[in-house]
Amino acid sequence: ALVEAAIGHLEAVESPKGVDLCSGSGCVAIAVAKETGAELDCIEKYPEAYGYLAKNCKAHGECNPVMGDVLDGSLTENYRNLDIITANPPYLTAGDMATLQPEVEFEPATALFGGEDGLDFYRVISRIWKPCLKVGGMIAFEIGLGQENDVKEMLEGLGYSEICYVNDLTERVRVVTAKVQNSGQL
């Protein structure tokens, strides 16, 4: 759903530019870039994931891997006039972490845990990355089940507009998108 939302936004954009935050293996950004021709930087903090990201970007020749912490405000200074920001940040709550399935327990906890309510990354990303978007630019978040209203309220509070929900194949809301209609300054 995140890939489809990004592609839908970028179809009408000439020479689109953007970033994929918490990129992991880069699959979201690579798929978007292949479909739209977008120039995308993929930002990943964890060295283990970054290794896969760099290999995938090189193999597909679509995106630029960047090692960095998306919560570090100084990183945002490198980006302006973006058409799109995609992000699949950690969104598990404290309760979710207590009941993890064995197959995901090998992941670093910090790559999964989004704070007590699962929304810590959304709060910071939506605030510090907003000035990086051009007017009409879109931020698209993958979210955990049931987080859509909290994320919508957060985005509204920061002045984003045209907030939309996107369902996954099981008809559950898994993506929230929003646009910037002013200069991006808070």
N, C-alpha and C. Protein backbone atom coordinates (compact mmCIF):
# COMPACT_ATOMS: atom_id res chain seq x y z
N ALA A 1 0.82 -1.19 0.00
CA ALA A 1 0.00 0.00 0.00
C ALA A 1 0.87 1.26 0.00
N LEU A 2 2.03 1.22 0.69
CA LEU A 2 2.92 2.37 0.73
C LEU A 2 3.48 2.65 -0.67
N VAL A 3 3.90 1.61 -1.36
CA VAL A 3 4.45 1.76 -2.71
C VAL A 3 3.39 2.34 -3.64
N GLU A 4 2.18 1.79 -3.60
CA GLU A 4 1.11 2.26 -4.48
C GLU A 4 0.76 3.72 -4.21
N ALA A 5 0.72 4.11 -2.94
CA ALA A 5 0.41 5.50 -2.61
C ALA A 5 1.47 6.44 -3.16
N ALA A 6 2.73 6.06 -3.02
CA ALA A 6 3.82 6.90 -3.52
C ALA A 6 3.78 6.99 -5.04
N ILE A 7 3.58 5.87 -5.71
CA ILE A 7 3.52 5.88 -7.17
C ILE A 7 2.36 6.74 -7.65
N GLY A 8 1.21 6.61 -7.02
CA GLY A 8 0.04 7.40 -7.40
C GLY A 8 0.31 8.89 -7.30
N HIS A 9 1.04 9.30 -6.27
CA HIS A 9 1.36 10.72 -6.11
C HIS A 9 2.36 11.19 -7.16
N LEU A 10 3.34 10.35 -7.46
CA LEU A 10 4.45 10.78 -8.33
C LEU A 10 4.16 10.67 -9.82
N GLU A 11 3.09 9.97 -10.19
CA GLU A 11 2.79 9.78 -11.62
C GLU A 11 2.72 11.09 -12.39
N ALA A 12 2.21 12.13 -11.77
CA ALA A 12 2.04 13.41 -12.46
C ALA A 12 3.20 14.38 -12.22
N VAL A 13 4.24 13.92 -11.54
CA VAL A 13 5.36 14.80 -11.20
C VAL A 13 6.50 14.58 -12.19
N GLU A 14 7.02 15.67 -12.71
CA GLU A 14 8.15 15.58 -13.63
C GLU A 14 9.45 15.54 -12.85
N SER A 15 10.32 14.58 -13.14
CA SER A 15 11.62 14.41 -12.47
C SER A 15 11.49 14.44 -10.95
N PRO A 16 10.69 13.52 -10.38
CA PRO A 16 10.45 13.54 -8.93
C PRO A 16 11.70 13.22 -8.11
N LYS A 17 11.75 13.85 -6.93
CA LYS A 17 12.82 13.61 -5.97
C LYS A 17 12.20 13.31 -4.62
N GLY A 18 12.88 12.44 -3.85
CA GLY A 18 12.37 12.15 -2.52
C GLY A 18 13.33 11.35 -1.68
N VAL A 19 12.84 10.99 -0.50
CA VAL A 19 13.60 10.14 0.41
C VAL A 19 12.69 9.04 0.95
N ASP A 20 13.32 7.91 1.24
CA ASP A 20 12.66 6.80 1.92
C ASP A 20 13.34 6.66 3.26
N LEU A 21 12.60 6.92 4.35
CA LEU A 21 13.16 6.91 5.69
C LEU A 21 12.96 5.54 6.34
N CYS A 22 13.90 5.16 7.20
CA CYS A 22 13.86 3.83 7.84
C CYS A 22 13.77 2.78 6.72
N SER A 23 14.66 2.90 5.77
CA SER A 23 14.56 2.21 4.49
C SER A 23 14.73 0.69 4.56
N GLY A 24 15.45 0.19 5.56
CA GLY A 24 15.64 -1.25 5.63
C GLY A 24 16.37 -1.76 4.40
N SER A 25 15.79 -2.72 3.70
CA SER A 25 16.41 -3.30 2.51
C SER A 25 16.24 -2.43 1.27
N GLY A 26 15.40 -1.39 1.36
CA GLY A 26 15.20 -0.49 0.23
C GLY A 26 14.10 -0.91 -0.72
N CYS A 27 13.35 -1.96 -0.39
CA CYS A 27 12.37 -2.48 -1.34
C CYS A 27 11.29 -1.47 -1.71
N VAL A 28 10.85 -0.64 -0.76
CA VAL A 28 9.82 0.37 -1.06
C VAL A 28 10.37 1.37 -2.07
N ALA A 29 11.52 1.96 -1.76
CA ALA A 29 12.09 2.98 -2.63
C ALA A 29 12.44 2.44 -4.01
N ILE A 30 13.01 1.25 -4.07
CA ILE A 30 13.39 0.67 -5.36
C ILE A 30 12.16 0.45 -6.22
N ALA A 31 11.09 -0.06 -5.63
CA ALA A 31 9.85 -0.28 -6.39
C ALA A 31 9.28 1.05 -6.89
N VAL A 32 9.29 2.07 -6.04
CA VAL A 32 8.77 3.39 -6.43
C VAL A 32 9.63 3.98 -7.55
N ALA A 33 10.94 3.91 -7.39
CA ALA A 33 11.85 4.48 -8.39
C ALA A 33 11.71 3.77 -9.73
N LYS A 34 11.58 2.45 -9.70
CA LYS A 34 11.43 1.70 -10.96
C LYS A 34 10.18 2.13 -11.72
N GLU A 35 9.11 2.38 -11.01
CA GLU A 35 7.84 2.75 -11.64
C GLU A 35 7.77 4.20 -12.08
N THR A 36 8.45 5.08 -11.35
CA THR A 36 8.26 6.52 -11.58
C THR A 36 9.50 7.24 -12.11
N GLY A 37 10.65 6.60 -12.02
CA GLY A 37 11.89 7.26 -12.39
C GLY A 37 12.36 8.26 -11.36
N ALA A 38 11.77 8.22 -10.18
CA ALA A 38 12.13 9.17 -9.11
C ALA A 38 13.58 8.98 -8.67
N GLU A 39 14.20 10.08 -8.30
CA GLU A 39 15.52 10.06 -7.69
C GLU A 39 15.29 10.01 -6.19
N LEU A 40 15.62 8.87 -5.58
CA LEU A 40 15.32 8.67 -4.16
C LEU A 40 16.57 8.32 -3.37
N ASP A 41 16.73 8.96 -2.22
CA ASP A 41 17.74 8.55 -1.25
C ASP A 41 17.05 7.65 -0.24
N CYS A 42 17.72 6.56 0.11
CA CYS A 42 17.20 5.59 1.08
C CYS A 42 18.03 5.73 2.35
N ILE A 43 17.40 6.15 3.43
CA ILE A 43 18.14 6.42 4.66
C ILE A 43 17.88 5.31 5.68
N GLU A 44 18.99 4.73 6.16
CA GLU A 44 18.91 3.60 7.09
C GLU A 44 19.99 3.79 8.16
N LYS A 45 19.63 3.51 9.40
CA LYS A 45 20.51 3.71 10.54
C LYS A 45 21.35 2.49 10.88
N TYR A 46 20.78 1.31 10.74
CA TYR A 46 21.43 0.10 11.25
C TYR A 46 22.39 -0.50 10.23
N PRO A 47 23.66 -0.73 10.64
CA PRO A 47 24.67 -1.24 9.71
C PRO A 47 24.27 -2.56 9.04
N GLU A 48 23.62 -3.45 9.79
CA GLU A 48 23.23 -4.74 9.21
C GLU A 48 22.25 -4.53 8.05
N ALA A 49 21.25 -3.71 8.28
CA ALA A 49 20.26 -3.42 7.23
C ALA A 49 20.90 -2.59 6.12
N TYR A 50 21.78 -1.66 6.48
CA TYR A 50 22.41 -0.81 5.47
C TYR A 50 23.20 -1.65 4.46
N GLY A 51 23.82 -2.71 4.93
CA GLY A 51 24.57 -3.59 4.01
C GLY A 51 23.66 -4.15 2.92
N TYR A 52 22.48 -4.61 3.31
CA TYR A 52 21.50 -5.12 2.34
C TYR A 52 20.99 -3.99 1.45
N LEU A 53 20.76 -2.84 2.05
CA LEU A 53 20.27 -1.68 1.31
C LEU A 53 21.26 -1.29 0.21
N ALA A 54 22.53 -1.18 0.57
CA ALA A 54 23.55 -0.78 -0.41
C ALA A 54 23.63 -1.80 -1.55
N LYS A 55 23.58 -3.09 -1.21
CA LYS A 55 23.62 -4.15 -2.25
C LYS A 55 22.41 -4.05 -3.16
N ASN A 56 21.23 -3.86 -2.58
CA ASN A 56 20.01 -3.78 -3.39
C ASN A 56 20.00 -2.55 -4.28
N CYS A 57 20.44 -1.41 -3.75
CA CYS A 57 20.48 -0.19 -4.56
C CYS A 57 21.45 -0.36 -5.72
N LYS A 58 22.59 -0.99 -5.46
CA LYS A 58 23.58 -1.21 -6.52
C LYS A 58 23.05 -2.20 -7.56
N ALA A 59 22.42 -3.26 -7.09
CA ALA A 59 21.91 -4.30 -8.00
C ALA A 59 20.82 -3.77 -8.93
N HIS A 60 19.99 -2.87 -8.39
CA HIS A 60 18.87 -2.37 -9.19
C HIS A 60 19.15 -1.01 -9.81
N GLY A 61 20.21 -0.35 -9.36
CA GLY A 61 20.62 0.92 -9.94
C GLY A 61 19.58 2.02 -9.87
N GLU A 62 18.70 1.94 -8.89
CA GLU A 62 17.59 2.89 -8.84
C GLU A 62 17.72 3.98 -7.79
N CYS A 63 18.35 3.68 -6.65
CA CYS A 63 18.31 4.58 -5.50
C CYS A 63 19.70 4.78 -4.91
N ASN A 64 19.80 5.79 -4.06
CA ASN A 64 21.07 6.11 -3.39
C ASN A 64 20.99 5.74 -1.91
N PRO A 65 21.81 4.79 -1.44
CA PRO A 65 21.78 4.46 -0.02
C PRO A 65 22.50 5.53 0.81
N VAL A 66 21.92 5.87 1.96
CA VAL A 66 22.52 6.85 2.87
C VAL A 66 22.44 6.26 4.27
N MET A 67 23.58 6.21 4.96
CA MET A 67 23.55 5.74 6.34
C MET A 67 23.34 6.94 7.23
N GLY A 68 22.27 6.90 8.01
CA GLY A 68 21.99 8.02 8.89
C GLY A 68 20.78 7.76 9.76
N ASP A 69 20.64 8.60 10.77
CA ASP A 69 19.53 8.50 11.72
C ASP A 69 18.45 9.50 11.30
N VAL A 70 17.28 9.00 10.91
CA VAL A 70 16.21 9.87 10.41
C VAL A 70 15.66 10.81 11.49
N LEU A 71 16.01 10.56 12.74
CA LEU A 71 15.55 11.43 13.84
C LEU A 71 16.55 12.54 14.13
N ASP A 72 17.66 12.56 13.40
CA ASP A 72 18.69 13.58 13.56
C ASP A 72 18.34 14.77 12.67
N GLY A 73 17.94 15.87 13.28
CA GLY A 73 17.51 17.04 12.53
C GLY A 73 18.56 17.58 11.57
N SER A 74 19.86 17.39 11.87
CA SER A 74 20.88 17.92 10.97
C SER A 74 20.88 17.19 9.63
N LEU A 75 20.41 15.97 9.60
CA LEU A 75 20.33 15.22 8.34
C LEU A 75 19.34 15.88 7.38
N THR A 76 18.29 16.46 7.92
CA THR A 76 17.26 17.06 7.07
C THR A 76 17.78 18.28 6.31
N GLU A 77 18.86 18.88 6.79
CA GLU A 77 19.41 20.07 6.13
C GLU A 77 19.90 19.77 4.71
N ASN A 78 20.15 18.48 4.42
CA ASN A 78 20.62 18.08 3.09
C ASN A 78 19.49 17.96 2.08
N TYR A 79 18.26 18.12 2.52
CA TYR A 79 17.11 17.85 1.64
C TYR A 79 16.14 19.02 1.63
N ARG A 80 15.81 19.48 0.42
CA ARG A 80 14.81 20.53 0.24
C ARG A 80 14.06 20.28 -1.06
N ASN A 81 12.86 20.80 -1.14
CA ASN A 81 12.03 20.71 -2.36
C ASN A 81 11.76 19.28 -2.80
N LEU A 82 11.51 18.41 -1.84
CA LEU A 82 11.21 17.01 -2.16
C LEU A 82 9.74 16.87 -2.56
N ASP A 83 9.50 15.95 -3.48
CA ASP A 83 8.14 15.64 -3.90
C ASP A 83 7.50 14.61 -2.99
N ILE A 84 8.33 13.74 -2.39
CA ILE A 84 7.78 12.64 -1.59
C ILE A 84 8.74 12.25 -0.47
N ILE A 85 8.15 11.90 0.65
CA ILE A 85 8.87 11.23 1.75
C ILE A 85 8.05 9.99 2.08
N THR A 86 8.68 8.83 1.96
CA THR A 86 8.03 7.60 2.41
C THR A 86 8.75 7.13 3.67
N ALA A 87 8.01 6.47 4.54
CA ALA A 87 8.61 5.98 5.78
C ALA A 87 7.83 4.79 6.31
N ASN A 88 8.56 3.78 6.71
CA ASN A 88 8.00 2.63 7.41
C ASN A 88 8.78 2.52 8.72
N PRO A 89 8.49 3.46 9.65
CA PRO A 89 9.27 3.49 10.89
C PRO A 89 8.83 2.43 11.88
N PRO A 90 9.63 2.21 12.92
CA PRO A 90 9.20 1.30 13.99
C PRO A 90 7.89 1.81 14.58
N TYR A 91 6.90 0.90 14.72
CA TYR A 91 5.61 1.35 15.23
C TYR A 91 5.01 0.42 16.29
N LEU A 92 5.78 -0.53 16.76
CA LEU A 92 5.24 -1.43 17.78
C LEU A 92 5.19 -0.72 19.14
N THR A 93 4.10 -0.97 19.86
CA THR A 93 3.90 -0.40 21.19
C THR A 93 4.59 -1.28 22.23
N ALA A 94 4.61 -0.81 23.46
CA ALA A 94 5.19 -1.60 24.55
C ALA A 94 4.46 -2.94 24.66
N GLY A 95 3.13 -2.91 24.52
CA GLY A 95 2.35 -4.15 24.57
C GLY A 95 2.69 -5.09 23.43
N ASP A 96 2.86 -4.54 22.22
CA ASP A 96 3.24 -5.36 21.07
C ASP A 96 4.58 -6.05 21.30
N MET A 97 5.54 -5.30 21.85
CA MET A 97 6.88 -5.85 22.07
C MET A 97 6.85 -7.04 23.03
N ALA A 98 5.92 -6.99 23.98
CA ALA A 98 5.83 -8.06 24.97
C ALA A 98 5.30 -9.35 24.36
N THR A 99 4.65 -9.26 23.20
CA THR A 99 4.03 -10.45 22.61
C THR A 99 4.57 -10.74 21.20
N LEU A 100 5.83 -10.40 20.96
CA LEU A 100 6.42 -10.63 19.64
C LEU A 100 6.43 -12.09 19.25
N GLN A 101 6.21 -12.34 17.97
CA GLN A 101 6.32 -13.69 17.43
C GLN A 101 7.81 -14.06 17.37
N PRO A 102 8.12 -15.34 17.57
CA PRO A 102 9.53 -15.76 17.58
C PRO A 102 10.28 -15.39 16.30
N GLU A 103 9.61 -15.39 15.15
CA GLU A 103 10.32 -15.13 13.89
C GLU A 103 10.82 -13.69 13.74
N VAL A 104 10.31 -12.75 14.55
CA VAL A 104 10.83 -11.38 14.45
C VAL A 104 11.71 -11.01 15.64
N GLU A 105 11.90 -11.92 16.57
CA GLU A 105 12.70 -11.59 17.74
C GLU A 105 14.18 -11.41 17.42
N PHE A 106 14.63 -11.84 16.22
CA PHE A 106 16.03 -11.65 15.84
C PHE A 106 16.32 -10.21 15.44
N GLU A 107 15.30 -9.43 15.14
CA GLU A 107 15.47 -8.02 14.77
C GLU A 107 15.93 -7.25 16.01
N PRO A 108 16.77 -6.21 15.80
CA PRO A 108 17.10 -5.37 16.96
C PRO A 108 15.82 -4.71 17.48
N ALA A 109 15.63 -4.73 18.78
CA ALA A 109 14.39 -4.18 19.35
C ALA A 109 14.17 -2.74 18.92
N THR A 110 15.25 -1.98 18.78
CA THR A 110 15.10 -0.58 18.40
C THR A 110 14.60 -0.42 16.96
N ALA A 111 14.71 -1.45 16.15
CA ALA A 111 14.21 -1.38 14.77
C ALA A 111 12.70 -1.65 14.73
N LEU A 112 12.13 -2.06 15.85
CA LEU A 112 10.71 -2.40 15.90
C LEU A 112 9.92 -1.49 16.84
N PHE A 113 10.54 -1.11 17.95
CA PHE A 113 9.83 -0.41 19.03
C PHE A 113 9.67 1.07 18.71
N GLY A 114 8.42 1.52 18.70
CA GLY A 114 8.11 2.91 18.39
C GLY A 114 7.74 3.74 19.60
N GLY A 115 8.14 3.30 20.77
CA GLY A 115 7.80 4.03 22.00
C GLY A 115 6.56 3.44 22.64
N GLU A 116 6.22 3.94 23.80
CA GLU A 116 5.11 3.39 24.59
C GLU A 116 3.84 3.23 23.75
N ASP A 117 3.49 4.24 22.94
CA ASP A 117 2.28 4.16 22.12
C ASP A 117 2.58 3.82 20.66
N GLY A 118 3.85 3.58 20.34
CA GLY A 118 4.23 3.20 18.98
C GLY A 118 4.38 4.36 18.02
N LEU A 119 4.24 5.60 18.50
CA LEU A 119 4.19 6.75 17.59
C LEU A 119 5.37 7.71 17.70
N ASP A 120 6.41 7.35 18.43
CA ASP A 120 7.54 8.27 18.63
C ASP A 120 8.17 8.71 17.31
N PHE A 121 8.42 7.78 16.40
CA PHE A 121 9.06 8.11 15.13
C PHE A 121 8.16 9.02 14.28
N TYR A 122 6.86 8.77 14.30
CA TYR A 122 5.93 9.58 13.51
C TYR A 122 5.95 11.03 13.99
N ARG A 123 5.99 11.22 15.31
CA ARG A 123 6.01 12.57 15.88
C ARG A 123 7.22 13.36 15.39
N VAL A 124 8.38 12.73 15.47
CA VAL A 124 9.61 13.43 15.11
C VAL A 124 9.73 13.59 13.59
N ILE A 125 9.52 12.52 12.84
CA ILE A 125 9.66 12.58 11.39
C ILE A 125 8.73 13.62 10.78
N SER A 126 7.46 13.59 11.16
CA SER A 126 6.49 14.51 10.55
C SER A 126 6.82 15.96 10.87
N ARG A 127 7.49 16.21 11.98
CA ARG A 127 7.87 17.58 12.36
C ARG A 127 9.17 18.01 11.68
N ILE A 128 10.25 17.23 11.84
CA ILE A 128 11.55 17.71 11.36
C ILE A 128 11.73 17.56 9.85
N TRP A 129 10.99 16.67 9.21
CA TRP A 129 11.14 16.49 7.76
C TRP A 129 10.16 17.35 6.96
N LYS A 130 9.16 17.96 7.61
CA LYS A 130 8.18 18.77 6.87
C LYS A 130 8.82 19.87 6.03
N PRO A 131 9.82 20.61 6.56
CA PRO A 131 10.43 21.67 5.74
C PRO A 131 11.15 21.15 4.50
N CYS A 132 11.37 19.86 4.42
CA CYS A 132 12.06 19.28 3.25
C CYS A 132 11.12 19.11 2.06
N LEU A 133 9.83 19.14 2.30
CA LEU A 133 8.85 18.94 1.22
C LEU A 133 8.52 20.25 0.53
N LYS A 134 8.36 20.19 -0.78
CA LYS A 134 7.89 21.37 -1.53
C LYS A 134 6.38 21.48 -1.36
N VAL A 135 5.83 22.62 -1.70
CA VAL A 135 4.38 22.79 -1.67
C VAL A 135 3.76 21.74 -2.58
N GLY A 136 2.79 20.99 -2.08
CA GLY A 136 2.18 19.90 -2.83
C GLY A 136 2.91 18.58 -2.64
N GLY A 137 4.04 18.61 -1.94
CA GLY A 137 4.78 17.37 -1.65
C GLY A 137 4.02 16.52 -0.65
N MET A 138 4.29 15.22 -0.67
CA MET A 138 3.54 14.28 0.16
C MET A 138 4.45 13.47 1.07
N ILE A 139 3.96 13.26 2.30
CA ILE A 139 4.58 12.31 3.21
C ILE A 139 3.64 11.11 3.28
N ALA A 140 4.22 9.91 3.24
CA ALA A 140 3.43 8.67 3.28
C ALA A 140 4.06 7.74 4.31
N PHE A 141 3.28 7.42 5.33
CA PHE A 141 3.72 6.56 6.43
C PHE A 141 3.03 5.20 6.36
N GLU A 142 3.79 4.12 6.50
CA GLU A 142 3.16 2.85 6.84
C GLU A 142 2.94 2.90 8.34
N ILE A 143 1.79 2.36 8.79
CA ILE A 143 1.43 2.43 10.20
C ILE A 143 1.05 1.05 10.72
N GLY A 144 1.01 0.94 12.03
CA GLY A 144 0.50 -0.27 12.66
C GLY A 144 -1.02 -0.23 12.69
N LEU A 145 -1.61 -1.39 12.88
CA LEU A 145 -3.07 -1.48 12.91
C LEU A 145 -3.65 -0.59 14.00
N GLY A 146 -4.64 0.22 13.64
CA GLY A 146 -5.33 1.06 14.60
C GLY A 146 -4.65 2.38 14.91
N GLN A 147 -3.56 2.70 14.24
CA GLN A 147 -2.84 3.94 14.54
C GLN A 147 -3.26 5.11 13.65
N GLU A 148 -4.15 4.87 12.69
CA GLU A 148 -4.45 5.90 11.69
C GLU A 148 -4.99 7.21 12.27
N ASN A 149 -5.90 7.14 13.23
CA ASN A 149 -6.49 8.37 13.76
C ASN A 149 -5.48 9.19 14.54
N ASP A 150 -4.61 8.53 15.31
CA ASP A 150 -3.57 9.25 16.06
C ASP A 150 -2.58 9.91 15.10
N VAL A 151 -2.20 9.21 14.04
CA VAL A 151 -1.27 9.77 13.06
C VAL A 151 -1.94 10.93 12.32
N LYS A 152 -3.22 10.78 11.98
CA LYS A 152 -3.95 11.87 11.30
C LYS A 152 -3.99 13.12 12.17
N GLU A 153 -4.32 12.97 13.44
CA GLU A 153 -4.38 14.11 14.36
C GLU A 153 -3.02 14.81 14.48
N MET A 154 -1.98 13.99 14.54
CA MET A 154 -0.63 14.52 14.64
C MET A 154 -0.29 15.35 13.39
N LEU A 155 -0.60 14.83 12.22
CA LEU A 155 -0.32 15.52 10.96
C LEU A 155 -1.14 16.81 10.84
N GLU A 156 -2.41 16.74 11.23
CA GLU A 156 -3.26 17.94 11.22
C GLU A 156 -2.68 19.02 12.12
N GLY A 157 -2.23 18.61 13.29
CA GLY A 157 -1.66 19.54 14.25
C GLY A 157 -0.40 20.23 13.74
N LEU A 158 0.30 19.60 12.81
CA LEU A 158 1.51 20.18 12.23
C LEU A 158 1.22 20.94 10.94
N GLY A 159 -0.07 21.03 10.56
CA GLY A 159 -0.43 21.82 9.39
C GLY A 159 -0.44 21.08 8.07
N TYR A 160 -0.33 19.77 8.09
CA TYR A 160 -0.46 19.00 6.85
C TYR A 160 -1.92 19.02 6.42
N SER A 161 -2.17 18.79 5.14
CA SER A 161 -3.54 18.76 4.63
C SER A 161 -3.74 17.55 3.72
N GLU A 162 -4.95 17.42 3.21
CA GLU A 162 -5.29 16.31 2.30
C GLU A 162 -4.85 14.96 2.87
N ILE A 163 -5.15 14.75 4.13
CA ILE A 163 -4.75 13.51 4.80
C ILE A 163 -5.66 12.37 4.34
N CYS A 164 -5.04 11.29 3.91
CA CYS A 164 -5.78 10.14 3.36
C CYS A 164 -5.31 8.85 4.01
N TYR A 165 -6.24 7.90 4.07
CA TYR A 165 -5.93 6.55 4.52
C TYR A 165 -5.88 5.63 3.30
N VAL A 166 -4.95 4.67 3.33
CA VAL A 166 -4.84 3.68 2.26
C VAL A 166 -4.92 2.30 2.89
N ASN A 167 -5.81 1.48 2.37
CA ASN A 167 -5.99 0.12 2.88
C ASN A 167 -5.00 -0.85 2.24
N ASP A 168 -4.69 -1.90 3.00
CA ASP A 168 -3.90 -2.98 2.42
C ASP A 168 -4.84 -3.99 1.77
N LEU A 169 -4.33 -5.11 1.35
CA LEU A 169 -5.15 -6.10 0.64
C LEU A 169 -6.22 -6.73 1.52
N THR A 170 -6.05 -6.61 2.85
CA THR A 170 -7.07 -7.16 3.76
C THR A 170 -8.07 -6.09 4.18
N GLU A 171 -8.03 -4.94 3.49
CA GLU A 171 -8.94 -3.81 3.75
C GLU A 171 -8.72 -3.15 5.10
N ARG A 172 -7.51 -3.30 5.65
CA ARG A 172 -7.15 -2.59 6.88
C ARG A 172 -6.33 -1.37 6.51
N VAL A 173 -6.52 -0.27 7.24
CA VAL A 173 -5.72 0.94 6.98
C VAL A 173 -4.29 0.66 7.40
N ARG A 174 -3.36 0.79 6.45
CA ARG A 174 -1.94 0.54 6.74
C ARG A 174 -1.05 1.69 6.31
N VAL A 175 -1.62 2.69 5.63
CA VAL A 175 -0.83 3.83 5.18
C VAL A 175 -1.63 5.11 5.41
N VAL A 176 -0.93 6.15 5.89
CA VAL A 176 -1.51 7.48 6.01
C VAL A 176 -0.65 8.41 5.16
N THR A 177 -1.31 9.18 4.28
CA THR A 177 -0.59 10.15 3.47
C THR A 177 -1.09 11.55 3.80
N ALA A 178 -0.23 12.54 3.57
CA ALA A 178 -0.61 13.93 3.80
C ALA A 178 0.25 14.81 2.92
N LYS A 179 -0.27 16.00 2.61
CA LYS A 179 0.46 16.93 1.75
C LYS A 179 0.77 18.22 2.49
N VAL A 180 1.76 18.93 1.96
CA VAL A 180 2.18 20.22 2.48
C VAL A 180 1.61 21.29 1.54
N GLN A 181 0.89 22.25 2.10
CA GLN A 181 0.30 23.30 1.27
C GLN A 181 0.91 24.68 1.55
N ASN A 182 1.93 24.72 2.42
CA ASN A 182 2.62 25.99 2.65
C ASN A 182 4.10 25.77 2.45
N SER A 183 4.92 26.70 2.87
CA SER A 183 6.36 26.61 2.61
C SER A 183 7.03 25.48 3.38
N GLY A 184 6.29 24.77 4.21
CA GLY A 184 6.88 23.68 4.97
C GLY A 184 7.40 24.10 6.33
N GLN A 185 7.41 25.39 6.59
CA GLN A 185 7.91 25.85 7.90
C GLN A 185 6.81 25.71 8.96
N LEU A 186 7.23 25.35 10.15
CA LEU A 186 6.26 25.19 11.23
C LEU A 186 5.91 26.52 11.86
